[in-house]
Amino acid sequence: MNVSRKTALATGASMLAARRTAVAQTALTPVRVASSPVADVAPLLYAQNAGLFRAAGLDVTLQKLTNGSAVAAALAGGATDIGKVASTSIVTAHAHGVPLTIIFPDRLHTFGALSETQLVVTPDSPIRTGRDLNGKTVSVGAIKDSTWLGVRIFIDSAGGDSSSVKFIELPFSAVAAAVTAARIDAGVDNDPFLKADVRAGKVRALGDLLGTLGARFIETAWVASGDYIAQNRDTVVRFNRAIRTAQIWCNSHTDEVADLAAAFTGVDRATLATAHQVFATEVRPADMQPYIAACARYEIIPRAFDAAELFMR
């Protein structure tokens, strides 16, 4: 075979490989996914890095938005396809007729000492239980979000009166300093800051905010609009399979999860390594019912409803 023939064949093979690559790339279904910069987005990061989405025929791009409310707004406005949203926002949206639907749960509440969200006070504070917070000033992430709800439950379940408390909003990163400076009596701290603040002796944790709701319920979930699901059901099913595989992996690879989350959130890796998160591996509407009941009790929503209404059918 002469040189020109070999060159032609090689060129032809290269062109064919390039065409196959182009076809494979165009065959991927684009999916826009949004999340705030928090650690429980780790399963999606793993699914991207490990090629789980590409194996499912999906080209997933991750949009980093400022908070869960921004994610919910982007979903409602069609600016993104799938988003990671906290349970309070999902329940509130449903109660007000915004068609956000859970396609797969994300992070589950973990009960007890490992809980990633707790009220904190100074180490020498006389405050020991929720009842001791009557009439105090307490910081939460946002009024009528999950932290506000948790504080009210924590106080009332201990025989206190949460309606007597003055609530202010503070970012979790600022809580330890505000408590130490006596600007607030207590504040909701959250991982990764919670474990680091307690370990450094800056604050003392009072306990699990939402423990009275039960040992298992959904804190965050992957959601999409009803219209998107109706028009892209196969895409959503493929996304769910990949994210479930990723969440199973994350549950047993906590060190690697810290690496992934640090790169996305900008939080120090050593701080994130102290966080403990449990991700859902199955869809159970019952895991949302206690949360819905609590939202109705504290008038975040007008009335309770069947949790199954929130989930993709």
C-alpha atoms as a PDB file:
ATOM      1  CA  MET A   1       0.000   0.000   0.000  1.00  0.00           C
ATOM      2  CA  ASN A   2       1.502   3.351  -1.013  1.00  0.00           C
ATOM      3  CA  VAL A   3       1.950   6.300   1.333  1.00  0.00           C
ATOM      4  CA  SER A   4      -0.873   8.334  -0.177  1.00  0.00           C
ATOM      5  CA  ARG A   5      -3.265   5.386   0.251  1.00  0.00           C
ATOM      6  CA  LYS A   6      -2.263   4.973   3.901  1.00  0.00           C
ATOM      7  CA  THR A   7      -2.650   8.685   4.462  1.00  0.00           C
ATOM      8  CA  ALA A   8      -6.090   8.687   2.894  1.00  0.00           C
ATOM      9  CA  LEU A   9      -7.229   5.752   5.028  1.00  0.00           C
ATOM     10  CA  ALA A  10      -5.875   7.361   8.187  1.00  0.00           C
ATOM     11  CA  THR A  11      -7.551  10.625   7.344  1.00  0.00           C
ATOM     12  CA  GLY A  12     -10.790   8.800   6.618  1.00  0.00           C
ATOM     13  CA  ALA A  13     -10.607   6.930   9.914  1.00  0.00           C
ATOM     14  CA  SER A  14      -9.953  10.154  11.794  1.00  0.00           C
ATOM     15  CA  MET A  15     -12.905  11.852  10.132  1.00  0.00           C
ATOM     16  CA  LEU A  16     -15.141   8.877  10.925  1.00  0.00           C
ATOM     17  CA  ALA A  17     -14.060   8.912  14.581  1.00  0.00           C
ATOM     18  CA  ALA A  18     -14.704  12.642  14.742  1.00  0.00           C
ATOM     19  CA  ARG A  19     -18.176  12.183  13.250  1.00  0.00           C
ATOM     20  CA  ARG A  20     -18.955   9.416  15.747  1.00  0.00           C
ATOM     21  CA  THR A  21     -17.805  11.641  18.595  1.00  0.00           C
ATOM     22  CA  ALA A  22     -19.941  14.486  17.306  1.00  0.00           C
ATOM     23  CA  VAL A  23     -22.963  12.203  16.998  1.00  0.00           C
ATOM     24  CA  ALA A  24     -22.415  10.867  20.519  1.00  0.00           C
ATOM     25  CA  GLN A  25     -22.177  14.392  21.878  1.00  0.00           C
ATOM     26  CA  THR A  26     -25.293  15.627  20.111  1.00  0.00           C
ATOM     27  CA  ALA A  27     -27.161  12.538  21.325  1.00  0.00           C
ATOM     28  CA  LEU A  28     -26.766  13.670  24.925  1.00  0.00           C
ATOM     29  CA  THR A  29     -29.861  15.374  26.323  1.00  0.00           C
ATOM     30  CA  PRO A  30     -29.013  18.751  27.918  1.00  0.00           C
ATOM     31  CA  VAL A  31     -30.278  19.227  31.490  1.00  0.00           C
ATOM     32  CA  ARG A  32     -29.827  22.402  33.520  1.00  0.00           C
ATOM     33  CA  VAL A  33     -29.610  21.745  37.261  1.00  0.00           C
ATOM     34  CA  ALA A  34     -29.486  24.488  39.899  1.00  0.00           C
ATOM     35  CA  SER A  35     -28.364  24.442  43.522  1.00  0.00           C
ATOM     36  CA  SER A  36     -27.223  26.862  46.178  1.00  0.00           C
ATOM     37  CA  PRO A  37     -23.572  26.384  47.257  1.00  0.00           C
ATOM     38  CA  VAL A  38     -24.157  23.854  50.030  1.00  0.00           C
ATOM     39  CA  ALA A  39     -22.605  20.479  50.726  1.00  0.00           C
ATOM     40  CA  ASP A  40     -25.635  18.307  49.991  1.00  0.00           C
ATOM     41  CA  VAL A  41     -25.160  18.889  46.257  1.00  0.00           C
ATOM     42  CA  ALA A  42     -22.272  16.383  46.457  1.00  0.00           C
ATOM     43  CA  PRO A  43     -24.195  13.504  44.803  1.00  0.00           C
ATOM     44  CA  LEU A  44     -24.695  15.578  41.674  1.00  0.00           C
ATOM     45  CA  LEU A  45     -21.014  16.533  41.631  1.00  0.00           C
ATOM     46  CA  TYR A  46     -20.046  12.881  41.923  1.00  0.00           C
ATOM     47  CA  ALA A  47     -22.481  11.860  39.181  1.00  0.00           C
ATOM     48  CA  GLN A  48     -20.865  14.433  36.895  1.00  0.00           C
ATOM     49  CA  ASN A  49     -17.284  13.494  37.705  1.00  0.00           C
ATOM     50  CA  ALA A  50     -17.890   9.744  37.527  1.00  0.00           C
ATOM     51  CA  GLY A  51     -19.671   9.978  34.171  1.00  0.00           C
ATOM     52  CA  LEU A  52     -22.979   8.676  35.515  1.00  0.00           C
ATOM     53  CA  PHE A  53     -24.985  11.336  33.700  1.00  0.00           C
ATOM     54  CA  ARG A  54     -23.173  10.819  30.404  1.00  0.00           C
ATOM     55  CA  ALA A  55     -23.729   7.078  30.720  1.00  0.00           C
ATOM     56  CA  ALA A  56     -27.427   7.891  31.093  1.00  0.00           C
ATOM     57  CA  GLY A  57     -27.325  10.016  27.942  1.00  0.00           C
ATOM     58  CA  LEU A  58     -27.481  13.328  29.786  1.00  0.00           C
ATOM     59  CA  ASP A  59     -25.374  16.469  29.465  1.00  0.00           C
ATOM     60  CA  VAL A  60     -25.898  18.026  32.912  1.00  0.00           C
ATOM     61  CA  THR A  61     -24.758  21.573  33.607  1.00  0.00           C
ATOM     62  CA  LEU A  62     -24.807  22.849  37.172  1.00  0.00           C
ATOM     63  CA  GLN A  63     -25.892  26.407  37.925  1.00  0.00           C
ATOM     64  CA  LYS A  64     -24.774  27.830  41.288  1.00  0.00           C
ATOM     65  CA  LEU A  65     -27.461  30.157  42.663  1.00  0.00           C
ATOM     66  CA  THR A  66     -27.363  32.173  45.874  1.00  0.00           C
ATOM     67  CA  ASN A  67     -29.965  30.265  47.908  1.00  0.00           C
ATOM     68  CA  GLY A  68     -32.884  27.834  47.783  1.00  0.00           C
ATOM     69  CA  SER A  69     -35.404  30.600  47.104  1.00  0.00           C
ATOM     70  CA  ALA A  70     -33.459  31.576  43.988  1.00  0.00           C
ATOM     71  CA  VAL A  71     -33.476  27.946  42.858  1.00  0.00           C
ATOM     72  CA  ALA A  72     -37.238  27.677  43.353  1.00  0.00           C
ATOM     73  CA  ALA A  73     -37.756  30.923  41.422  1.00  0.00           C
ATOM     74  CA  ALA A  74     -35.563  29.668  38.557  1.00  0.00           C
ATOM     75  CA  LEU A  75     -37.589  26.464  38.362  1.00  0.00           C
ATOM     76  CA  ALA A  76     -40.894  28.309  38.392  1.00  0.00           C
ATOM     77  CA  GLY A  77     -39.691  30.683  35.679  1.00  0.00           C
ATOM     78  CA  GLY A  78     -38.228  27.979  33.432  1.00  0.00           C
ATOM     79  CA  ALA A  79     -34.643  29.257  33.828  1.00  0.00           C
ATOM     80  CA  THR A  80     -33.515  25.818  34.987  1.00  0.00           C
ATOM     81  CA  ASP A  81     -34.856  22.279  34.563  1.00  0.00           C
ATOM     82  CA  ILE A  82     -34.119  20.546  37.867  1.00  0.00           C
ATOM     83  CA  GLY A  83     -33.179  22.070  41.196  1.00  0.00           C
ATOM     84  CA  LYS A  84     -32.205  21.082  44.714  1.00  0.00           C
ATOM     85  CA  VAL A  85     -34.672  22.727  47.078  1.00  0.00           C
ATOM     86  CA  ALA A  86     -35.310  22.554  50.834  1.00  0.00           C
ATOM     87  CA  SER A  87     -38.499  20.910  52.045  1.00  0.00           C
ATOM     88  CA  THR A  88     -39.974  24.124  53.421  1.00  0.00           C
ATOM     89  CA  SER A  89     -39.763  25.807  50.017  1.00  0.00           C
ATOM     90  CA  ILE A  90     -41.273  22.768  48.301  1.00  0.00           C
ATOM     91  CA  VAL A  91     -44.183  22.556  50.725  1.00  0.00           C
ATOM     92  CA  THR A  92     -44.792  26.315  50.576  1.00  0.00           C
ATOM     93  CA  ALA A  93     -44.711  26.362  46.783  1.00  0.00           C
ATOM     94  CA  HIS A  94     -47.242  23.535  46.581  1.00  0.00           C
ATOM     95  CA  ALA A  95     -49.570  25.223  49.067  1.00  0.00           C
ATOM     96  CA  HIS A  96     -49.554  28.368  46.894  1.00  0.00           C
ATOM     97  CA  GLY A  97     -50.192  26.565  43.632  1.00  0.00           C
ATOM     98  CA  VAL A  98     -46.624  26.633  42.279  1.00  0.00           C
ATOM     99  CA  PRO A  99     -46.179  23.274  40.511  1.00  0.00           C
ATOM    100  CA  LEU A 100     -42.844  22.100  41.921  1.00  0.00           C
ATOM    101  CA  THR A 101     -42.678  18.314  42.024  1.00  0.00           C
ATOM    102  CA  ILE A 102     -40.189  16.088  43.841  1.00  0.00           C
ATOM    103  CA  ILE A 103     -38.515  13.733  41.390  1.00  0.00           C
ATOM    104  CA  PHE A 104     -36.142  12.225  43.971  1.00  0.00           C
ATOM    105  CA  PRO A 105     -35.326  13.066  47.607  1.00  0.00           C
ATOM    106  CA  ASP A 106     -31.826  14.329  48.398  1.00  0.00           C
ATOM    107  CA  ARG A 107     -30.746  14.715  52.032  1.00  0.00           C
ATOM    108  CA  LEU A 108     -32.504  12.991  54.902  1.00  0.00           C
ATOM    109  CA  HIS A 109     -32.717  14.386  58.400  1.00  0.00           C
ATOM    110  CA  THR A 110     -30.295  12.679  60.762  1.00  0.00           C
ATOM    111  CA  PHE A 111     -31.505  12.522  64.327  1.00  0.00           C
ATOM    112  CA  GLY A 112     -29.496  13.150  67.483  1.00  0.00           C
ATOM    113  CA  ALA A 113     -25.969  14.299  68.199  1.00  0.00           C
ATOM    114  CA  LEU A 114     -24.968  14.033  64.540  1.00  0.00           C
ATOM    115  CA  SER A 115     -27.744  16.373  63.426  1.00  0.00           C
ATOM    116  CA  GLU A 116     -26.283  18.954  61.080  1.00  0.00           C
ATOM    117  CA  THR A 117     -28.535  21.806  62.301  1.00  0.00           C
ATOM    118  CA  GLN A 118     -28.704  22.763  65.979  1.00  0.00           C
ATOM    119  CA  LEU A 119     -29.279  25.702  68.288  1.00  0.00           C
ATOM    120  CA  VAL A 120     -26.081  26.924  69.926  1.00  0.00           C
ATOM    121  CA  VAL A 121     -25.315  29.132  72.935  1.00  0.00           C
ATOM    122  CA  THR A 122     -22.136  30.208  74.715  1.00  0.00           C
ATOM    123  CA  PRO A 123     -20.459  27.400  76.657  1.00  0.00           C
ATOM    124  CA  ASP A 124     -21.358  29.030  80.005  1.00  0.00           C
ATOM    125  CA  SER A 125     -24.912  30.049  79.064  1.00  0.00           C
ATOM    126  CA  PRO A 126     -27.669  29.179  81.565  1.00  0.00           C
ATOM    127  CA  ILE A 127     -29.851  28.119  78.626  1.00  0.00           C
ATOM    128  CA  ARG A 128     -30.207  24.337  78.659  1.00  0.00           C
ATOM    129  CA  THR A 129     -33.561  23.506  77.079  1.00  0.00           C
ATOM    130  CA  GLY A 130     -36.076  25.033  74.714  1.00  0.00           C
ATOM    131  CA  ARG A 131     -38.095  26.288  77.661  1.00  0.00           C
ATOM    132  CA  ASP A 132     -35.186  28.516  78.670  1.00  0.00           C
ATOM    133  CA  LEU A 133     -35.497  30.439  75.400  1.00  0.00           C
ATOM    134  CA  ASN A 134     -38.788  32.137  76.288  1.00  0.00           C
ATOM    135  CA  GLY A 135     -38.495  35.862  75.535  1.00  0.00           C
ATOM    136  CA  LYS A 136     -34.951  35.502  74.138  1.00  0.00           C
ATOM    137  CA  THR A 137     -33.452  36.714  70.852  1.00  0.00           C
ATOM    138  CA  VAL A 138     -32.631  33.819  68.517  1.00  0.00           C
ATOM    139  CA  SER A 139     -31.130  33.843  65.034  1.00  0.00           C
ATOM    140  CA  VAL A 140     -32.386  31.643  62.201  1.00  0.00           C
ATOM    141  CA  GLY A 141     -31.411  31.257  58.568  1.00  0.00           C
ATOM    142  CA  ALA A 142     -34.615  32.970  57.421  1.00  0.00           C
ATOM    143  CA  ILE A 143     -38.027  33.681  58.882  1.00  0.00           C
ATOM    144  CA  LYS A 144     -40.421  30.815  58.125  1.00  0.00           C
ATOM    145  CA  ASP A 145     -37.709  28.553  56.703  1.00  0.00           C
ATOM    146  CA  SER A 146     -36.748  25.147  58.114  1.00  0.00           C
ATOM    147  CA  THR A 147     -34.505  26.662  60.811  1.00  0.00           C
ATOM    148  CA  TRP A 148     -37.265  28.997  62.047  1.00  0.00           C
ATOM    149  CA  LEU A 149     -39.671  26.065  62.053  1.00  0.00           C
ATOM    150  CA  GLY A 150     -37.158  23.897  63.897  1.00  0.00           C
ATOM    151  CA  VAL A 151     -36.569  26.455  66.646  1.00  0.00           C
ATOM    152  CA  ARG A 152     -40.281  26.839  67.271  1.00  0.00           C
ATOM    153  CA  ILE A 153     -40.743  23.076  67.487  1.00  0.00           C
ATOM    154  CA  PHE A 154     -37.688  22.744  69.742  1.00  0.00           C
ATOM    155  CA  ILE A 155     -38.999  25.373  72.178  1.00  0.00           C
ATOM    156  CA  ASP A 156     -42.625  24.289  72.254  1.00  0.00           C
ATOM    157  CA  SER A 157     -41.858  20.575  72.585  1.00  0.00           C
ATOM    158  CA  ALA A 158     -39.862  21.421  75.744  1.00  0.00           C
ATOM    159  CA  GLY A 159     -42.782  23.282  77.294  1.00  0.00           C
ATOM    160  CA  GLY A 160     -41.693  26.739  76.197  1.00  0.00           C
ATOM    161  CA  ASP A 161     -43.567  29.399  74.244  1.00  0.00           C
ATOM    162  CA  SER A 162     -41.953  30.031  70.872  1.00  0.00           C
ATOM    163  CA  SER A 163     -44.335  32.918  70.149  1.00  0.00           C
ATOM    164  CA  SER A 164     -42.489  34.919  72.836  1.00  0.00           C
ATOM    165  CA  VAL A 165     -39.146  34.697  71.009  1.00  0.00           C
ATOM    166  CA  LYS A 166     -37.657  37.510  68.914  1.00  0.00           C
ATOM    167  CA  PHE A 167     -36.291  36.010  65.697  1.00  0.00           C
ATOM    168  CA  ILE A 168     -33.609  37.627  63.549  1.00  0.00           C
ATOM    169  CA  GLU A 169     -31.921  36.358  60.376  1.00  0.00           C
ATOM    170  CA  LEU A 170     -28.197  35.558  60.319  1.00  0.00           C
ATOM    171  CA  PRO A 171     -25.981  33.468  58.022  1.00  0.00           C
ATOM    172  CA  PHE A 172     -24.704  30.336  59.751  1.00  0.00           C
ATOM    173  CA  SER A 173     -21.100  31.495  59.396  1.00  0.00           C
ATOM    174  CA  ALA A 174     -21.869  34.515  61.621  1.00  0.00           C
ATOM    175  CA  VAL A 175     -23.757  32.744  64.411  1.00  0.00           C
ATOM    176  CA  ALA A 176     -20.857  31.804  66.709  1.00  0.00           C
ATOM    177  CA  ALA A 177     -19.517  35.359  66.701  1.00  0.00           C
ATOM    178  CA  ALA A 178     -22.972  36.826  67.374  1.00  0.00           C
ATOM    179  CA  VAL A 179     -23.540  34.466  70.313  1.00  0.00           C
ATOM    180  CA  THR A 180     -20.088  35.147  71.756  1.00  0.00           C
ATOM    181  CA  ALA A 181     -20.632  38.907  71.511  1.00  0.00           C
ATOM    182  CA  ALA A 182     -24.031  38.568  73.231  1.00  0.00           C
ATOM    183  CA  ARG A 183     -25.842  40.144  70.270  1.00  0.00           C
ATOM    184  CA  ILE A 184     -28.173  37.144  70.406  1.00  0.00           C
ATOM    185  CA  ASP A 185     -29.006  34.667  73.157  1.00  0.00           C
ATOM    186  CA  ALA A 186     -28.914  31.651  70.868  1.00  0.00           C
ATOM    187  CA  GLY A 187     -28.658  30.931  67.163  1.00  0.00           C
ATOM    188  CA  VAL A 188     -29.142  28.185  64.644  1.00  0.00           C
ATOM    189  CA  ASP A 189     -25.771  26.881  63.472  1.00  0.00           C
ATOM    190  CA  ASN A 190     -25.398  24.487  60.573  1.00  0.00           C
ATOM    191  CA  ASP A 191     -22.718  22.202  59.192  1.00  0.00           C
ATOM    192  CA  PRO A 192     -20.017  22.641  58.224  1.00  0.00           C
ATOM    193  CA  PHE A 193     -19.790  25.550  60.702  1.00  0.00           C
ATOM    194  CA  LEU A 194     -21.643  23.791  63.537  1.00  0.00           C
ATOM    195  CA  LYS A 195     -19.175  20.990  64.170  1.00  0.00           C
ATOM    196  CA  ALA A 196     -16.183  23.301  63.780  1.00  0.00           C
ATOM    197  CA  ASP A 197     -17.629  25.903  66.180  1.00  0.00           C
ATOM    198  CA  VAL A 198     -18.450  23.284  68.817  1.00  0.00           C
ATOM    199  CA  ARG A 199     -15.071  21.571  68.466  1.00  0.00           C
ATOM    200  CA  ALA A 200     -13.289  24.916  68.877  1.00  0.00           C
ATOM    201  CA  GLY A 201     -15.199  25.572  72.103  1.00  0.00           C
ATOM    202  CA  LYS A 202     -16.854  28.710  70.742  1.00  0.00           C
ATOM    203  CA  VAL A 203     -20.388  27.448  71.393  1.00  0.00           C
ATOM    204  CA  ARG A 204     -22.363  24.654  73.026  1.00  0.00           C
ATOM    205  CA  ALA A 205     -25.070  22.817  71.059  1.00  0.00           C
ATOM    206  CA  LEU A 206     -28.503  22.404  72.650  1.00  0.00           C
ATOM    207  CA  GLY A 207     -29.705  19.504  70.529  1.00  0.00           C
ATOM    208  CA  ASP A 208     -31.531  18.388  67.419  1.00  0.00           C
ATOM    209  CA  LEU A 209     -34.024  21.036  66.307  1.00  0.00           C
ATOM    210  CA  LEU A 210     -36.389  18.782  64.425  1.00  0.00           C
ATOM    211  CA  GLY A 211     -35.960  15.567  66.397  1.00  0.00           C
ATOM    212  CA  THR A 212     -39.553  15.537  67.614  1.00  0.00           C
ATOM    213  CA  LEU A 213     -40.727  15.140  64.004  1.00  0.00           C
ATOM    214  CA  GLY A 214     -39.179  11.683  63.898  1.00  0.00           C
ATOM    215  CA  ALA A 215     -35.907   9.977  63.068  1.00  0.00           C
ATOM    216  CA  ARG A 216     -36.371  10.110  59.295  1.00  0.00           C
ATOM    217  CA  PHE A 217     -37.721  12.790  57.007  1.00  0.00           C
ATOM    218  CA  ILE A 218     -36.674  14.671  53.893  1.00  0.00           C
ATOM    219  CA  GLU A 219     -34.721  17.914  54.338  1.00  0.00           C
ATOM    220  CA  THR A 220     -33.902  18.635  50.681  1.00  0.00           C
ATOM    221  CA  ALA A 221     -35.004  17.141  47.371  1.00  0.00           C
ATOM    222  CA  TRP A 222     -34.451  17.261  43.614  1.00  0.00           C
ATOM    223  CA  VAL A 223     -37.469  18.930  42.052  1.00  0.00           C
ATOM    224  CA  ALA A 224     -38.781  20.017  38.662  1.00  0.00           C
ATOM    225  CA  SER A 225     -41.864  21.789  37.380  1.00  0.00           C
ATOM    226  CA  GLY A 226     -44.896  19.765  36.393  1.00  0.00           C
ATOM    227  CA  ASP A 227     -44.590  20.969  32.792  1.00  0.00           C
ATOM    228  CA  TYR A 228     -40.939  19.929  32.541  1.00  0.00           C
ATOM    229  CA  ILE A 229     -41.717  16.445  33.861  1.00  0.00           C
ATOM    230  CA  ALA A 230     -44.661  16.019  31.474  1.00  0.00           C
ATOM    231  CA  GLN A 231     -42.521  16.961  28.477  1.00  0.00           C
ATOM    232  CA  ASN A 232     -39.303  15.198  29.551  1.00  0.00           C
ATOM    233  CA  ARG A 233     -40.337  12.169  31.584  1.00  0.00           C
ATOM    234  CA  ASP A 234     -37.673   9.872  30.117  1.00  0.00           C
ATOM    235  CA  THR A 235     -34.983  12.452  30.875  1.00  0.00           C
ATOM    236  CA  VAL A 236     -36.182  12.736  34.465  1.00  0.00           C
ATOM    237  CA  VAL A 237     -36.221   8.949  34.888  1.00  0.00           C
ATOM    238  CA  ARG A 238     -32.623   8.743  33.629  1.00  0.00           C
ATOM    239  CA  PHE A 239     -31.579  11.586  35.944  1.00  0.00           C
ATOM    240  CA  ASN A 240     -33.175   9.799  38.896  1.00  0.00           C
ATOM    241  CA  ARG A 241     -31.323   6.573  38.197  1.00  0.00           C
ATOM    242  CA  ALA A 242     -27.995   8.368  38.043  1.00  0.00           C
ATOM    243  CA  ILE A 243     -28.593  10.498  41.140  1.00  0.00           C
ATOM    244  CA  ARG A 244     -29.756   7.474  43.156  1.00  0.00           C
ATOM    245  CA  THR A 245     -26.526   5.647  42.277  1.00  0.00           C
ATOM    246  CA  ALA A 246     -24.561   8.743  43.273  1.00  0.00           C
ATOM    247  CA  GLN A 247     -26.362   9.113  46.605  1.00  0.00           C
ATOM    248  CA  ILE A 248     -25.714   5.468  47.475  1.00  0.00           C
ATOM    249  CA  TRP A 249     -22.029   6.080  46.761  1.00  0.00           C
ATOM    250  CA  CYS A 250     -21.947   9.288  48.840  1.00  0.00           C
ATOM    251  CA  ASN A 251     -23.381   7.520  51.882  1.00  0.00           C
ATOM    252  CA  SER A 252     -20.331   5.271  52.043  1.00  0.00           C
ATOM    253  CA  HIS A 253     -17.607   7.697  50.879  1.00  0.00           C
ATOM    254  CA  THR A 254     -17.716  10.581  53.353  1.00  0.00           C
ATOM    255  CA  ASP A 255     -14.092  11.657  52.787  1.00  0.00           C
ATOM    256  CA  GLU A 256     -14.582  11.948  49.048  1.00  0.00           C
ATOM    257  CA  VAL A 257     -17.855  13.811  49.592  1.00  0.00           C
ATOM    258  CA  ALA A 258     -15.953  16.432  51.589  1.00  0.00           C
ATOM    259  CA  ASP A 259     -13.511  16.872  48.688  1.00  0.00           C
ATOM    260  CA  LEU A 260     -16.343  17.363  46.193  1.00  0.00           C
ATOM    261  CA  ALA A 261     -18.286  19.752  48.403  1.00  0.00           C
ATOM    262  CA  ALA A 262     -15.222  21.871  49.235  1.00  0.00           C
ATOM    263  CA  ALA A 263     -14.515  22.514  45.559  1.00  0.00           C
ATOM    264  CA  PHE A 264     -18.118  23.608  44.916  1.00  0.00           C
ATOM    265  CA  THR A 265     -18.940  25.572  48.071  1.00  0.00           C
ATOM    266  CA  GLY A 266     -15.568  27.213  48.701  1.00  0.00           C
ATOM    267  CA  VAL A 267     -15.702  26.024  52.318  1.00  0.00           C
ATOM    268  CA  ASP A 268     -12.509  24.637  53.826  1.00  0.00           C
ATOM    269  CA  ARG A 269     -12.220  20.889  53.245  1.00  0.00           C
ATOM    270  CA  ALA A 270     -11.247  20.161  56.863  1.00  0.00           C
ATOM    271  CA  THR A 271     -14.398  21.908  58.042  1.00  0.00           C
ATOM    272  CA  LEU A 272     -16.604  19.977  55.626  1.00  0.00           C
ATOM    273  CA  ALA A 273     -15.041  16.691  56.743  1.00  0.00           C
ATOM    274  CA  THR A 274     -16.751  17.079  60.119  1.00  0.00           C
ATOM    275  CA  ALA A 275     -20.220  17.209  58.552  1.00  0.00           C
ATOM    276  CA  HIS A 276     -22.353  14.093  58.479  1.00  0.00           C
ATOM    277  CA  GLN A 277     -24.992  13.776  55.786  1.00  0.00           C
ATOM    278  CA  VAL A 278     -27.297  10.918  54.860  1.00  0.00           C
ATOM    279  CA  PHE A 279     -28.752  10.812  51.365  1.00  0.00           C
ATOM    280  CA  ALA A 280     -31.978   9.125  50.358  1.00  0.00           C
ATOM    281  CA  THR A 281     -31.826   5.959  48.273  1.00  0.00           C
ATOM    282  CA  GLU A 282     -35.557   5.465  47.709  1.00  0.00           C
ATOM    283  CA  VAL A 283     -38.710   7.493  47.199  1.00  0.00           C
ATOM    284  CA  ARG A 284     -40.979   7.479  50.253  1.00  0.00           C
ATOM    285  CA  PRO A 285     -43.708  10.150  50.351  1.00  0.00           C
ATOM    286  CA  ALA A 286     -44.285   9.295  54.015  1.00  0.00           C
ATOM    287  CA  ASP A 287     -40.870  10.854  54.735  1.00  0.00           C
ATOM    288  CA  MET A 288     -42.362  14.258  53.931  1.00  0.00           C
ATOM    289  CA  GLN A 289     -45.629  14.000  55.897  1.00  0.00           C
ATOM    290  CA  PRO A 290     -44.277  15.083  59.335  1.00  0.00           C
ATOM    291  CA  TYR A 291     -42.783  18.176  57.745  1.00  0.00           C
ATOM    292  CA  ILE A 292     -46.039  19.120  56.065  1.00  0.00           C
ATOM    293  CA  ALA A 293     -47.919  18.766  59.354  1.00  0.00           C
ATOM    294  CA  ALA A 294     -45.394  21.009  61.118  1.00  0.00           C
ATOM    295  CA  CYS A 295     -45.627  23.669  58.398  1.00  0.00           C
ATOM    296  CA  ALA A 296     -49.404  23.725  58.818  1.00  0.00           C
ATOM    297  CA  ARG A 297     -49.156  23.874  62.618  1.00  0.00           C
ATOM    298  CA  TYR A 298     -46.953  26.970  62.487  1.00  0.00           C
ATOM    299  CA  GLU A 299     -48.963  28.566  59.680  1.00  0.00           C
ATOM    300  CA  ILE A 300     -46.261  28.443  57.036  1.00  0.00           C
ATOM    301  CA  ILE A 301     -49.024  26.927  54.898  1.00  0.00           C
ATOM    302  CA  PRO A 302     -52.816  27.249  55.353  1.00  0.00           C
ATOM    303  CA  ARG A 303     -53.473  23.535  55.857  1.00  0.00           C
ATOM    304  CA  ALA A 304     -51.837  20.109  55.690  1.00  0.00           C
ATOM    305  CA  PHE A 305     -52.153  17.876  52.624  1.00  0.00           C
ATOM    306  CA  ASP A 306     -51.196  14.377  51.486  1.00  0.00           C
ATOM    307  CA  ALA A 307     -47.430  14.196  50.907  1.00  0.00           C
ATOM    308  CA  ALA A 308     -47.992  12.009  47.824  1.00  0.00           C
ATOM    309  CA  GLU A 309     -49.184  15.156  46.036  1.00  0.00           C
ATOM    310  CA  LEU A 310     -45.600  16.438  46.022  1.00  0.00           C
ATOM    311  CA  PHE A 311     -44.057  13.471  44.229  1.00  0.00           C
ATOM    312  CA  MET A 312     -43.777  12.544  40.584  1.00  0.00           C
ATOM    313  CA  ARG A 313     -46.219   9.818  39.642  1.00  0.00           C
END
